Amino acid sequence: MKPDQYHPSLRPLEEACRLAESDWICLRNPLVGFGERRSLIGKLLWKGAVMLRHAALVFRCWAVCSHPHILIREFSTWPLLLVFPLLLPLRRKLFFVIHHNLQWAASSRIERAGFTALARLGARWVLFETQELAGLEALDIPSGQNLVLPHPVLESGVRPIILASPENTKIIGLTPPARPVIGVAGYNRPEKGSGELLKLLAECFPDCELMLGTANPETISGLPGVVQIVDTASDEAYSRMLAQCDVLVQNSASNRYFYRVSGPVADAAACGTAVIAPDFPLLQHQITSPVPVGEVFQRLEKMPQAVQTAIESARAGKYDFAAYCAARSAQALAECLDRFSRRRQDG
């Protein structure tokens, strides 16, 4: 993956910082683009490159230290801890966007120790959706020093919703697809559970079309023959695939995604596609706030009912994608940044 393709759903953060009246600047620190990690030497070189990128981040932060607020996208916990003493004079200005880091800290003692040390040194976090999460008090979460934002949505425009009733199809002069399209999207990795999910969908929805969109289709094997595999390496192909789906389904592992939000959820909503995902705290908040754009399920065996409900609701126009996207646009995030800045000044 190229650095400019890393976490593309977070791009509105940069625009939000430009739009904010309280003088924010966003620095990207992508942790990719360092070559393969399949061999021991490759892994060591990758870790060394990550460390060098964090060292360079120190100089980049000092170069923009005239700004009162510096929002930093992407960091690796221990490399940041090693360079953080050089950033101590700036710590009140710095806000680090938590993406995978919270999940790592909850799952690994080593990562938890590093995360806790950063919090004690005065690191301030940007969390998506909510910081009211159980069992994280040792990580200084929740805290009034942290910034909480809705996960952004790319302003690519919401597609028209094709309503299923005969009356509505007459009004708009369109006929909905005869077979609903159920999609699964994202890099093919074991923790995403895409293979198991698609097999279950094929069994439960024989009258639906199944589509898998992934940027690494060469790794796919053993899927039901009814699944259409789409290469989504380009942004255009990815958006086109999402827009073709009635619903997008995720089956993320709890030990990898319990404390994480989802880029595909945001991307699907931007395309007017409903989302079904496990009922994890941040995913549940992301899918239902400020208005629902999909359904959640607690156990995999309950997923088919959630999919059926989402298909029916989407085709009936019950999900307000426009309101959802407006509340998560770059302009809406800029207003959140300004409110947070005013609270800091008043406090």
Protein backbone atom coordinates (compact mmCIF):
# COMPACT_ATOMS: atom_id res chain seq x y z
CA MET A 1 0.00 0.00 0.00
CA LYS A 2 1.25 3.47 -0.88
CA PRO A 3 1.43 6.07 1.93
CA ASP A 4 -1.16 8.31 0.27
CA GLN A 5 -3.63 5.38 0.29
CA TYR A 6 -3.27 4.76 4.03
CA HIS A 7 -6.54 5.32 5.89
CA PRO A 8 -8.13 7.29 3.01
CA SER A 9 -11.36 7.73 4.98
CA LEU A 10 -9.47 10.08 7.33
CA ARG A 11 -8.69 12.63 4.62
CA PRO A 12 -11.49 15.00 5.76
CA LEU A 13 -9.48 15.59 8.96
CA GLU A 14 -7.00 17.64 6.97
CA GLU A 15 -9.75 19.70 5.38
CA ALA A 16 -11.43 20.15 8.78
CA CYS A 17 -8.21 21.60 10.20
CA ARG A 18 -8.03 24.06 7.29
CA LEU A 19 -11.65 25.10 7.81
CA ALA A 20 -11.44 25.51 11.59
CA GLU A 21 -11.25 29.11 12.80
CA SER A 22 -9.20 28.12 15.86
CA ASP A 23 -6.00 27.44 13.87
CA TRP A 24 -5.45 23.71 13.58
CA ILE A 25 -2.95 21.92 11.37
CA CYS A 26 -2.95 18.21 10.49
CA LEU A 27 0.24 16.17 10.03
CA ARG A 28 0.05 12.75 8.37
CA ASN A 29 2.38 10.04 9.64
CA PRO A 30 1.51 6.95 7.53
CA LEU A 31 3.04 3.72 8.80
CA VAL A 32 3.28 2.04 5.39
CA GLY A 33 5.43 2.20 2.28
CA PHE A 34 8.51 0.57 3.79
CA GLY A 35 8.56 -2.68 1.78
CA GLU A 36 7.64 -6.27 2.60
CA ARG A 37 7.53 -7.74 6.13
CA ARG A 38 7.46 -11.43 5.27
CA SER A 39 11.04 -12.21 6.33
CA LEU A 40 12.83 -11.45 9.61
CA ILE A 41 15.10 -8.95 7.87
CA GLY A 42 12.07 -7.35 6.24
CA LYS A 43 10.35 -6.98 9.60
CA LEU A 44 13.45 -5.41 11.18
CA LEU A 45 13.84 -2.98 8.29
CA TRP A 46 10.15 -2.09 8.53
CA LYS A 47 10.43 -1.39 12.27
CA GLY A 48 13.52 0.71 11.69
CA ALA A 49 11.72 2.74 9.03
CA VAL A 50 8.76 3.30 11.39
CA MET A 51 11.19 4.58 14.04
CA LEU A 52 12.83 6.94 11.56
CA ARG A 53 9.43 8.28 10.52
CA HIS A 54 8.60 9.07 14.16
CA ALA A 55 11.98 10.77 14.58
CA ALA A 56 11.18 12.88 11.52
CA LEU A 57 7.78 13.64 13.07
CA VAL A 58 9.56 15.45 15.91
CA PHE A 59 11.13 17.91 13.46
CA ARG A 60 7.84 18.32 11.61
CA CYS A 61 6.02 19.18 14.84
CA TRP A 62 8.61 21.78 15.82
CA ALA A 63 8.44 23.26 12.30
CA VAL A 64 4.74 24.08 12.77
CA CYS A 65 4.86 24.87 16.50
CA SER A 66 3.46 28.36 15.90
CA HIS A 67 0.04 26.74 15.52
CA PRO A 68 -1.85 26.33 18.82
CA HIS A 69 -3.28 22.94 17.81
CA ILE A 70 -1.43 20.18 15.92
CA LEU A 71 -3.45 17.11 15.01
CA ILE A 72 -1.32 14.07 14.12
CA ARG A 73 -2.72 11.23 12.06
CA GLU A 74 -1.30 7.75 12.73
CA PHE A 75 1.33 6.79 15.26
CA SER A 76 2.88 3.62 16.64
CA THR A 77 2.84 3.55 20.42
CA TRP A 78 6.40 2.61 21.38
CA PRO A 79 8.18 4.61 18.64
CA LEU A 80 6.17 7.64 19.75
CA LEU A 81 7.07 7.00 23.39
CA LEU A 82 10.78 6.90 22.50
CA VAL A 83 10.70 10.31 20.80
CA PHE A 84 8.07 11.91 23.07
CA PRO A 85 10.63 13.48 25.48
CA LEU A 86 11.68 15.69 22.55
CA LEU A 87 8.06 16.83 22.21
CA LEU A 88 7.35 17.55 25.89
CA PRO A 89 7.47 21.35 25.47
CA LEU A 90 4.78 21.03 22.78
CA ARG A 91 2.59 18.44 24.46
CA ARG A 92 -0.33 20.80 25.10
CA LYS A 93 -0.50 21.56 21.39
CA LEU A 94 -0.31 17.96 20.16
CA PHE A 95 -3.32 15.69 19.61
CA PHE A 96 -2.64 12.15 18.39
CA VAL A 97 -5.38 10.37 16.45
CA ILE A 98 -6.01 6.92 17.93
CA HIS A 99 -6.82 4.33 15.30
CA HIS A 100 -5.42 0.86 15.94
CA ASN A 101 -3.56 1.93 19.06
CA LEU A 102 -6.40 1.59 21.57
CA GLN A 103 -7.15 -1.95 20.43
CA TRP A 104 -3.46 -2.87 20.67
CA ALA A 105 -3.27 -1.39 24.19
CA ALA A 106 -6.34 -3.38 25.26
CA SER A 107 -4.93 -6.62 23.80
CA SER A 108 -1.21 -6.47 24.64
CA ARG A 109 0.56 -5.81 27.96
CA ILE A 110 3.55 -4.32 26.15
CA GLU A 111 1.40 -1.95 24.11
CA ARG A 112 -0.63 -1.10 27.21
CA ALA A 113 2.53 -0.18 29.13
CA GLY A 114 3.66 2.13 26.34
CA PHE A 115 0.23 3.73 25.98
CA THR A 116 -0.03 4.29 29.74
CA ALA A 117 3.43 5.87 29.83
CA LEU A 118 2.46 8.27 27.05
CA ALA A 119 -0.69 9.28 28.94
CA ARG A 120 1.34 9.95 32.10
CA LEU A 121 3.75 12.10 30.12
CA GLY A 122 0.83 14.26 29.03
CA ALA A 123 -0.04 12.90 25.59
CA ARG A 124 -3.46 13.99 24.39
CA TRP A 125 -5.60 11.80 22.19
CA VAL A 126 -8.14 12.22 19.42
CA LEU A 127 -10.75 9.45 19.75
CA PHE A 128 -13.50 8.70 17.28
CA GLU A 129 -17.17 8.42 18.29
CA THR A 130 -16.89 8.26 22.10
CA GLN A 131 -14.37 7.85 24.90
CA GLU A 132 -16.94 6.52 27.37
CA LEU A 133 -15.53 2.99 27.18
CA ALA A 134 -15.37 0.53 30.05
CA GLY A 135 -12.07 -0.69 31.47
CA LEU A 136 -9.79 2.01 30.07
CA GLU A 137 -9.30 4.24 33.12
CA ALA A 138 -5.64 3.21 33.39
CA LEU A 139 -5.10 4.68 29.92
CA ASP A 140 -6.42 8.09 31.01
CA ILE A 141 -9.63 7.47 29.09
CA PRO A 142 -11.99 9.20 29.45
CA SER A 143 -10.36 12.58 30.04
CA GLY A 144 -11.34 16.18 29.51
CA GLN A 145 -8.00 16.71 27.77
CA ASN A 146 -8.93 14.35 24.93
CA LEU A 147 -10.68 15.41 21.74
CA VAL A 148 -13.63 13.29 20.58
CA LEU A 149 -14.76 13.51 16.95
CA PRO A 150 -17.25 11.64 14.81
CA HIS A 151 -15.44 9.48 12.29
CA PRO A 152 -15.37 11.56 9.08
CA VAL A 153 -17.20 10.74 5.89
CA LEU A 154 -15.75 11.62 2.51
CA GLU A 155 -17.96 14.13 0.73
CA SER A 156 -18.31 12.11 -2.45
CA GLY A 157 -22.03 12.64 -2.63
CA VAL A 158 -24.78 10.21 -1.62
CA ARG A 159 -26.31 8.27 -4.51
CA PRO A 160 -30.09 8.45 -5.04
CA ILE A 161 -31.92 5.76 -3.10
CA ILE A 162 -33.99 3.49 -5.35
CA LEU A 163 -37.24 2.78 -3.54
CA ALA A 164 -38.75 -0.65 -3.91
CA SER A 165 -42.48 0.09 -3.89
CA PRO A 166 -44.31 0.25 -7.24
CA GLU A 167 -45.65 3.71 -6.43
CA ASN A 168 -42.22 5.17 -5.81
CA THR A 169 -40.58 3.49 -8.80
CA LYS A 170 -43.26 5.04 -10.99
CA ILE A 171 -42.53 8.49 -9.55
CA ILE A 172 -38.78 8.35 -10.20
CA GLY A 173 -39.04 6.27 -13.37
CA LEU A 174 -36.60 3.58 -12.23
CA THR A 175 -36.83 -0.10 -11.46
CA PRO A 176 -34.80 -1.44 -8.52
CA PRO A 177 -32.46 -4.38 -9.20
CA ALA A 178 -34.40 -7.65 -9.01
CA ARG A 179 -31.80 -9.22 -6.71
CA PRO A 180 -30.37 -7.34 -3.72
CA VAL A 181 -26.59 -7.05 -3.72
CA ILE A 182 -24.74 -7.89 -0.50
CA GLY A 183 -21.16 -6.70 -0.31
CA VAL A 184 -18.08 -7.39 1.79
CA ALA A 185 -15.11 -5.04 1.46
CA GLY A 186 -11.59 -4.45 2.73
CA TYR A 187 -8.11 -5.91 2.65
CA ASN A 188 -8.21 -9.69 2.94
CA ARG A 189 -6.83 -10.40 6.42
CA PRO A 190 -7.73 -13.23 8.83
CA GLU A 191 -9.15 -10.91 11.50
CA LYS A 192 -11.80 -9.64 9.08
CA GLY A 193 -13.41 -13.09 8.79
CA SER A 194 -14.46 -12.46 5.18
CA GLY A 195 -14.31 -16.11 4.08
CA GLU A 196 -16.51 -17.42 6.89
CA LEU A 197 -18.89 -14.50 6.41
CA LEU A 198 -19.31 -15.01 2.65
CA LYS A 199 -19.96 -18.74 3.09
CA LEU A 200 -22.71 -17.97 5.60
CA LEU A 201 -24.20 -15.30 3.35
CA ALA A 202 -24.22 -17.71 0.41
CA GLU A 203 -26.17 -20.23 2.49
CA CYS A 204 -28.65 -17.72 3.93
CA PHE A 205 -29.24 -15.53 0.86
CA PRO A 206 -29.28 -17.74 -2.26
CA ASP A 207 -31.48 -15.19 -4.06
CA CYS A 208 -29.03 -12.30 -3.52
CA GLU A 209 -25.87 -11.35 -5.40
CA LEU A 210 -22.68 -11.54 -3.32
CA MET A 211 -19.73 -9.26 -3.99
CA LEU A 212 -16.28 -9.12 -2.36
CA GLY A 213 -14.28 -5.95 -2.93
CA THR A 214 -10.61 -6.14 -1.96
CA ALA A 215 -7.36 -4.47 -2.94
CA ASN A 216 -5.45 -7.78 -2.69
CA PRO A 217 -7.62 -10.23 -4.67
CA GLU A 218 -4.60 -12.45 -5.36
CA THR A 219 -4.84 -13.71 -1.75
CA ILE A 220 -8.43 -14.97 -2.14
CA SER A 221 -9.17 -18.69 -2.30
CA GLY A 222 -11.84 -21.16 -1.23
CA LEU A 223 -14.85 -18.84 -1.62
CA PRO A 224 -18.26 -20.01 -2.86
CA GLY A 225 -18.47 -19.83 -6.64
CA VAL A 226 -21.39 -17.39 -6.49
CA VAL A 227 -19.19 -14.63 -5.04
CA GLN A 228 -18.09 -11.95 -7.48
CA ILE A 229 -14.58 -10.73 -6.61
CA VAL A 230 -13.82 -7.09 -7.45
CA ASP A 231 -10.35 -5.52 -7.40
CA THR A 232 -10.79 -2.28 -5.41
CA ALA A 233 -7.17 -1.10 -5.47
CA SER A 234 -8.24 2.27 -6.92
CA ASP A 235 -10.52 4.75 -5.15
CA GLU A 236 -12.83 4.79 -8.17
CA ALA A 237 -13.24 1.01 -8.25
CA TYR A 238 -13.79 0.92 -4.49
CA SER A 239 -16.52 3.58 -4.55
CA ARG A 240 -18.16 1.98 -7.57
CA MET A 241 -18.27 -1.39 -5.83
CA LEU A 242 -19.80 0.09 -2.67
CA ALA A 243 -22.41 2.02 -4.64
CA GLN A 244 -23.56 -1.19 -6.36
CA CYS A 245 -24.40 -2.83 -3.02
CA ASP A 246 -27.66 -2.60 -1.12
CA VAL A 247 -25.78 -3.43 2.08
CA LEU A 248 -22.19 -3.90 3.21
CA VAL A 249 -21.54 -6.58 5.84
CA GLN A 250 -18.59 -6.77 8.24
CA ASN A 251 -17.61 -9.66 10.50
CA SER A 252 -14.66 -8.23 12.42
CA ALA A 253 -12.96 -10.21 15.19
CA SER A 254 -13.58 -8.80 18.68
CA ASN A 255 -9.92 -9.08 19.70
CA ARG A 256 -8.95 -6.85 16.78
CA TYR A 257 -11.89 -4.46 16.36
CA PHE A 258 -13.67 -4.15 19.72
CA TYR A 259 -12.12 -0.70 20.32
CA ARG A 260 -11.86 0.39 16.69
CA VAL A 261 -13.97 2.29 14.21
CA SER A 262 -14.25 1.28 10.56
CA GLY A 263 -13.24 3.12 7.41
CA PRO A 264 -15.52 0.97 5.21
CA VAL A 265 -18.53 1.95 7.34
CA ALA A 266 -17.85 5.61 6.54
CA ASP A 267 -17.10 4.86 2.88
CA ALA A 268 -20.32 2.86 2.47
CA ALA A 269 -22.43 5.61 4.04
CA ALA A 270 -20.88 8.14 1.64
CA CYS A 271 -22.14 5.95 -1.21
CA GLY A 272 -25.62 5.54 0.28
CA THR A 273 -25.04 1.89 1.20
CA ALA A 274 -26.35 0.46 4.49
CA VAL A 275 -23.90 -1.28 6.83
CA ILE A 276 -24.17 -4.35 9.06
CA ALA A 277 -21.44 -4.93 11.67
CA PRO A 278 -20.85 -6.56 15.07
CA ASP A 279 -22.26 -4.76 18.09
CA PHE A 280 -18.91 -3.44 19.37
CA PRO A 281 -18.98 -0.09 21.25
CA LEU A 282 -17.36 2.14 18.63
CA LEU A 283 -18.86 0.40 15.60
CA GLN A 284 -22.32 0.57 17.15
CA HIS A 285 -21.90 4.31 17.76
CA GLN A 286 -20.49 4.87 14.29
CA ILE A 287 -23.42 3.15 12.57
CA THR A 288 -26.22 4.75 14.61
CA SER A 289 -25.10 8.34 15.33
CA PRO A 290 -26.54 10.85 14.69
CA VAL A 291 -29.00 8.73 12.68
CA PRO A 292 -28.79 5.02 11.84
CA VAL A 293 -27.38 3.92 8.48
CA GLY A 294 -27.47 0.19 9.16
CA GLU A 295 -27.82 -2.54 11.75
CA VAL A 296 -25.62 -4.34 14.31
CA PHE A 297 -25.66 -7.95 15.48
CA GLN A 298 -24.38 -9.54 18.69
CA ARG A 299 -23.66 -13.07 17.42
CA LEU A 300 -22.86 -14.32 13.94
CA GLU A 301 -25.99 -16.48 13.85
CA LYS A 302 -28.03 -13.26 14.31
CA MET A 303 -26.32 -11.58 11.36
CA PRO A 304 -28.74 -12.85 8.63
CA GLN A 305 -31.72 -11.18 10.32
CA ALA A 306 -29.76 -7.92 10.57
CA VAL A 307 -28.92 -8.16 6.86
CA GLN A 308 -32.56 -8.77 5.93
CA THR A 309 -33.70 -5.82 8.04
CA ALA A 310 -31.07 -3.56 6.48
CA ILE A 311 -32.00 -4.58 2.91
CA GLU A 312 -35.67 -3.87 3.55
CA SER A 313 -34.96 -0.57 5.31
CA ALA A 314 -32.53 0.61 2.64
CA ARG A 315 -34.94 -0.15 -0.19
CA ALA A 316 -37.72 1.63 1.70
CA GLY A 317 -35.55 4.73 2.11
CA LYS A 318 -35.53 4.55 5.90
CA TYR A 319 -31.84 5.43 6.33
CA ASP A 320 -31.07 9.15 6.15
CA PHE A 321 -27.63 9.01 4.56
CA ALA A 322 -27.63 12.74 3.74
CA ALA A 323 -28.10 13.74 7.40
CA TYR A 324 -25.49 11.20 8.52
CA CYS A 325 -22.89 12.46 6.05
CA ALA A 326 -23.59 16.11 6.81
CA ALA A 327 -22.94 15.51 10.52
CA ARG A 328 -19.58 13.90 9.67
CA SER A 329 -18.38 16.23 6.92
CA ALA A 330 -15.18 18.25 7.07
CA GLN A 331 -17.21 21.35 7.93
CA ALA A 332 -18.97 19.56 10.79
CA LEU A 333 -15.62 18.33 12.12
CA ALA A 334 -14.19 21.86 11.88
CA GLU A 335 -17.03 23.08 14.09
CA CYS A 336 -16.18 20.32 16.59
CA LEU A 337 -12.56 21.51 16.62
CA ASP A 338 -13.65 25.09 17.26
CA ARG A 339 -15.96 24.07 20.12
CA PHE A 340 -13.17 22.05 21.71
CA SER A 341 -10.79 25.02 21.43
CA ARG A 342 -13.30 27.33 23.09
CA ARG A 343 -13.77 24.87 25.97
CA ARG A 344 -10.00 24.74 26.49
CA GLN A 345 -9.80 28.52 26.58
CA ASP A 346 -12.75 28.83 28.98
CA GLY A 347 -11.33 26.07 31.20
